[in-house]
Protein backbone atom coordinates (compact mmCIF):
# COMPACT_ATOMS: atom_id res chain seq x y z
CA UNK A 1 -4.35 14.02 28.24
CA UNK A 2 -1.00 14.93 26.71
CA UNK A 3 -0.83 18.07 24.60
CA UNK A 4 0.11 17.92 20.92
CA UNK A 5 3.36 19.71 21.71
CA UNK A 6 4.28 17.05 24.28
CA UNK A 7 3.39 14.25 21.85
CA UNK A 8 5.54 15.85 19.16
CA UNK A 9 8.49 16.10 21.53
CA UNK A 10 8.05 12.46 22.53
CA UNK A 11 7.99 11.40 18.87
CA UNK A 12 11.18 13.38 18.29
CA UNK A 13 12.81 11.78 21.33
CA UNK A 14 11.89 8.24 20.25
CA UNK A 15 13.09 8.99 16.72
CA UNK A 16 16.45 10.22 18.03
CA UNK A 17 16.87 7.15 20.25
CA UNK A 18 16.09 4.90 17.27
CA UNK A 19 18.55 6.71 14.99
CA UNK A 20 21.31 6.65 17.60
CA UNK A 21 20.86 2.92 18.17
CA UNK A 22 19.97 1.73 14.66
CA UNK A 23 23.34 0.04 14.06
CA UNK A 24 23.11 -1.64 17.46
CA UNK A 25 19.65 -3.05 16.69
CA UNK A 26 20.80 -4.32 13.31
CA UNK A 27 23.79 -6.04 14.92
CA UNK A 28 21.51 -7.79 17.42
CA UNK A 29 19.17 -8.89 14.60
CA UNK A 30 22.04 -10.29 12.55
CA UNK A 31 23.06 -12.37 15.57
CA UNK A 32 19.50 -13.62 15.99
CA UNK A 33 18.56 -11.49 19.02
CA UNK A 34 15.84 -8.86 19.44
CA UNK A 35 18.02 -6.31 21.19
CA UNK A 36 17.16 -4.05 24.14
CA UNK A 37 13.39 -3.77 24.55
CA UNK A 38 13.58 -0.04 25.30
CA UNK A 39 15.36 0.62 22.01
CA UNK A 40 13.03 -1.69 20.09
CA UNK A 41 10.03 0.17 21.53
CA UNK A 42 11.58 3.48 20.47
CA UNK A 43 12.02 2.04 16.97
CA UNK A 44 8.38 0.96 16.79
CA UNK A 45 7.12 4.38 17.90
CA UNK A 46 9.48 6.22 15.54
CA UNK A 47 8.59 4.05 12.54
CA UNK A 48 4.86 4.30 13.28
CA UNK A 49 5.19 8.09 13.45
CA UNK A 50 7.00 8.15 10.08
CA UNK A 51 4.33 5.92 8.55
CA UNK A 52 1.46 8.06 9.81
CA UNK A 53 3.13 11.25 8.55
CA UNK A 54 3.71 9.68 5.13
CA UNK A 55 0.13 8.42 4.86
CA UNK A 56 -1.16 11.85 5.85
CA UNK A 57 0.94 13.40 3.08
CA UNK A 58 -0.64 10.96 0.63
CA UNK A 59 -4.10 12.32 1.48
CA UNK A 60 -3.21 15.84 0.35
CA UNK A 61 -5.31 16.46 -2.79
CA UNK A 62 -3.44 16.60 -6.10
CA UNK A 63 -4.67 17.27 -9.63
CA UNK A 64 -2.48 14.40 -10.82
CA UNK A 65 -3.71 12.03 -8.13
CA UNK A 66 -1.55 9.07 -7.17
CA UNK A 67 0.52 9.56 -10.33
CA UNK A 68 1.90 12.89 -9.03
CA UNK A 69 5.73 12.90 -8.70
CA UNK A 70 5.67 13.65 -4.96
CA UNK A 71 3.40 10.63 -4.40
CA UNK A 72 6.07 8.44 -5.96
CA UNK A 73 8.50 9.78 -3.35
CA UNK A 74 6.01 9.01 -0.60
CA UNK A 75 5.65 5.42 -1.82
CA UNK A 76 9.44 5.07 -1.77
CA UNK A 77 9.42 6.32 1.83
CA UNK A 78 6.72 3.79 2.79
CA UNK A 79 8.76 1.02 1.16
CA UNK A 80 11.82 2.05 3.19
CA UNK A 81 9.77 1.97 6.40
CA UNK A 82 8.38 -1.46 5.50
CA UNK A 83 11.90 -2.76 4.94
CA UNK A 84 13.05 -1.44 8.33
CA UNK A 85 10.10 -3.01 10.15
CA UNK A 86 10.83 -6.33 8.44
CA UNK A 87 14.49 -6.12 9.42
CA UNK A 88 13.48 -5.50 13.03
CA UNK A 89 10.65 -8.07 12.83
CA UNK A 90 8.26 -5.70 14.55
CA UNK A 91 4.63 -4.63 14.11
CA UNK A 92 3.57 -0.99 14.16
CA UNK A 93 0.45 0.42 15.79
CA UNK A 94 -1.28 1.92 12.75
CA UNK A 95 -4.95 1.41 13.55
CA UNK A 96 -5.48 5.18 13.66
CA UNK A 97 -4.78 5.34 9.92
CA UNK A 98 -7.37 2.77 8.88
CA UNK A 99 -10.41 4.99 8.33
CA UNK A 100 -8.60 7.66 6.35
CA UNK A 101 -6.66 5.13 4.30
CA UNK A 102 -9.82 3.16 3.50
CA UNK A 103 -11.44 6.27 2.02
CA UNK A 104 -8.29 7.05 0.07
CA UNK A 105 -7.98 3.54 -1.40
CA UNK A 106 -11.66 3.50 -2.36
CA UNK A 107 -11.33 6.86 -4.11
CA UNK A 108 -8.14 5.89 -5.95
CA UNK A 109 -9.40 2.46 -6.97
CA UNK A 110 -12.22 4.12 -8.89
CA UNK A 111 -9.68 6.27 -10.75
CA UNK A 112 -7.50 3.22 -11.42
CA UNK A 113 -10.32 1.04 -12.77
CA UNK A 114 -12.04 3.56 -14.99
CA UNK A 115 -9.00 5.53 -16.14
CA UNK A 116 -6.20 4.78 -18.56
CA UNK A 117 -3.24 5.92 -16.44
CA UNK A 118 -0.80 3.01 -16.21
CA UNK A 119 1.37 4.85 -13.69
CA UNK A 120 -1.63 5.34 -11.43
CA UNK A 121 -2.37 1.62 -11.68
CA UNK A 122 1.21 0.65 -10.80
CA UNK A 123 1.36 3.10 -7.91
CA UNK A 124 -1.96 1.85 -6.52
CA UNK A 125 -0.72 -1.74 -6.68
CA UNK A 126 2.44 -0.72 -4.85
CA UNK A 127 0.50 1.19 -2.19
CA UNK A 128 -1.77 -1.81 -1.63
CA UNK A 129 1.27 -4.09 -1.37
CA UNK A 130 2.83 -1.76 1.19
CA UNK A 131 -0.30 -1.79 3.37
CA UNK A 132 0.12 -5.57 3.55
CA UNK A 133 3.84 -5.38 4.31
CA UNK A 134 3.13 -2.87 7.09
CA UNK A 135 0.12 -4.87 8.36
CA UNK A 136 -2.16 -1.84 8.10
CA UNK A 137 -5.67 -3.13 8.92
CA UNK A 138 -7.69 -1.92 5.93
CA UNK A 139 -11.24 -2.98 5.17
CA UNK A 140 -11.07 -4.76 1.84
CA UNK A 141 -14.77 -5.66 1.41
CA UNK A 142 -15.74 -2.46 -0.44
CA UNK A 143 -12.61 -2.64 -2.58
CA UNK A 144 -13.39 -6.24 -3.54
CA UNK A 145 -16.99 -5.35 -4.43
CA UNK A 146 -15.86 -2.38 -6.49
CA UNK A 147 -13.27 -4.46 -8.33
CA UNK A 148 -15.65 -7.36 -9.01
CA UNK A 149 -18.24 -4.95 -10.42
CA UNK A 150 -15.60 -3.50 -12.72
CA UNK A 151 -14.56 -6.97 -13.92
CA UNK A 152 -18.16 -7.93 -14.66
CA UNK A 153 -19.32 -4.71 -16.32
CA UNK A 154 -16.17 -3.35 -17.96
CA UNK A 155 -13.08 -5.55 -17.98
CA UNK A 156 -14.41 -8.82 -19.38
CA UNK A 157 -16.40 -7.18 -22.23
CA UNK A 158 -13.46 -4.93 -23.06
CA UNK A 159 -10.96 -7.79 -23.11
CA UNK A 160 -13.20 -9.86 -25.38
CA UNK A 161 -13.53 -6.96 -27.77
CA UNK A 162 -9.79 -6.29 -27.90
CA UNK A 163 -8.70 -9.94 -28.00
CA UNK A 164 -7.85 -9.67 -31.69
CA UNK A 165 -5.91 -6.46 -31.11
CA UNK A 166 -3.43 -7.80 -28.55
CA UNK A 167 -0.35 -5.66 -27.92
CA UNK A 168 2.51 -5.46 -25.45
CA UNK A 169 0.84 -2.54 -23.64
CA UNK A 170 -2.44 -4.46 -23.37
CA UNK A 171 -0.66 -7.54 -22.00
CA UNK A 172 1.18 -5.46 -19.38
CA UNK A 173 -2.07 -3.80 -18.30
CA UNK A 174 -3.91 -7.13 -18.10
CA UNK A 175 -1.13 -8.59 -15.97
CA UNK A 176 -1.28 -5.53 -13.70
CA UNK A 177 -5.04 -5.95 -13.25
CA UNK A 178 -4.55 -9.62 -12.45
CA UNK A 179 -1.98 -8.71 -9.80
CA UNK A 180 -4.38 -6.14 -8.38
CA UNK A 181 -7.06 -8.81 -8.11
CA UNK A 182 -4.67 -11.10 -6.26
CA UNK A 183 -3.79 -8.32 -3.80
CA UNK A 184 -7.51 -7.81 -3.17
CA UNK A 185 -7.82 -11.57 -2.49
CA UNK A 186 -10.11 -12.13 -5.46
CA UNK A 187 -10.06 -15.49 -7.22
CA UNK A 188 -9.20 -14.55 -10.80
CA UNK A 189 -9.47 -17.95 -12.52
CA UNK A 190 -13.27 -17.74 -13.05
CA UNK A 191 -12.86 -14.35 -14.70
CA UNK A 192 -10.12 -15.65 -16.96
CA UNK A 193 -12.36 -18.58 -17.84
CA UNK A 194 -15.04 -16.13 -18.96
CA UNK A 195 -12.52 -14.61 -21.35
CA UNK A 196 -11.43 -17.98 -22.68
CA UNK A 197 -14.85 -19.58 -23.15
CA UNK A 198 -17.02 -16.51 -23.58
CA UNK A 199 -19.42 -17.46 -20.81
CA UNK A 200 -21.95 -15.04 -19.37
């Protein structure tokens, strides 16, 4: 088994190869070709390493949670990685991140649903979108159950109560929650129908 020091050196080597040949890979992609397989493999390893490091940084506890300023920077980094993988049309091996990320998403979703922090909500939506762009295999069942419970017990009653007090902020937040439901692959039309017709 390779030592951690050896693995770190290999990651550094792959990263350097990718950086040195980035322009070459982009030129091949623009012409409709994949480029040298050795360089493409180096790119995949380097980008996977960057992704794992960024996700690990996201798990560092913070009093401000996902709304902390440094978390915003980490989301920007993940977005940059996602863009590079899309440009190269490659998939990264990120299965090792699934368990930790699942726990993180479950923890943050609870804060998002039962808090009033709009920035936290937006950042969570962006993080969830990035997991899809990066094809990170998360388990969405628990997230869907948690979200559906929130809709049933909190969101629908709250929206009915505040229907006569509509504001721009409320509309923005409702739209954000609808987008979150779509990202979690939840059919939102029945819930909207409950709001419209007052069904139980």
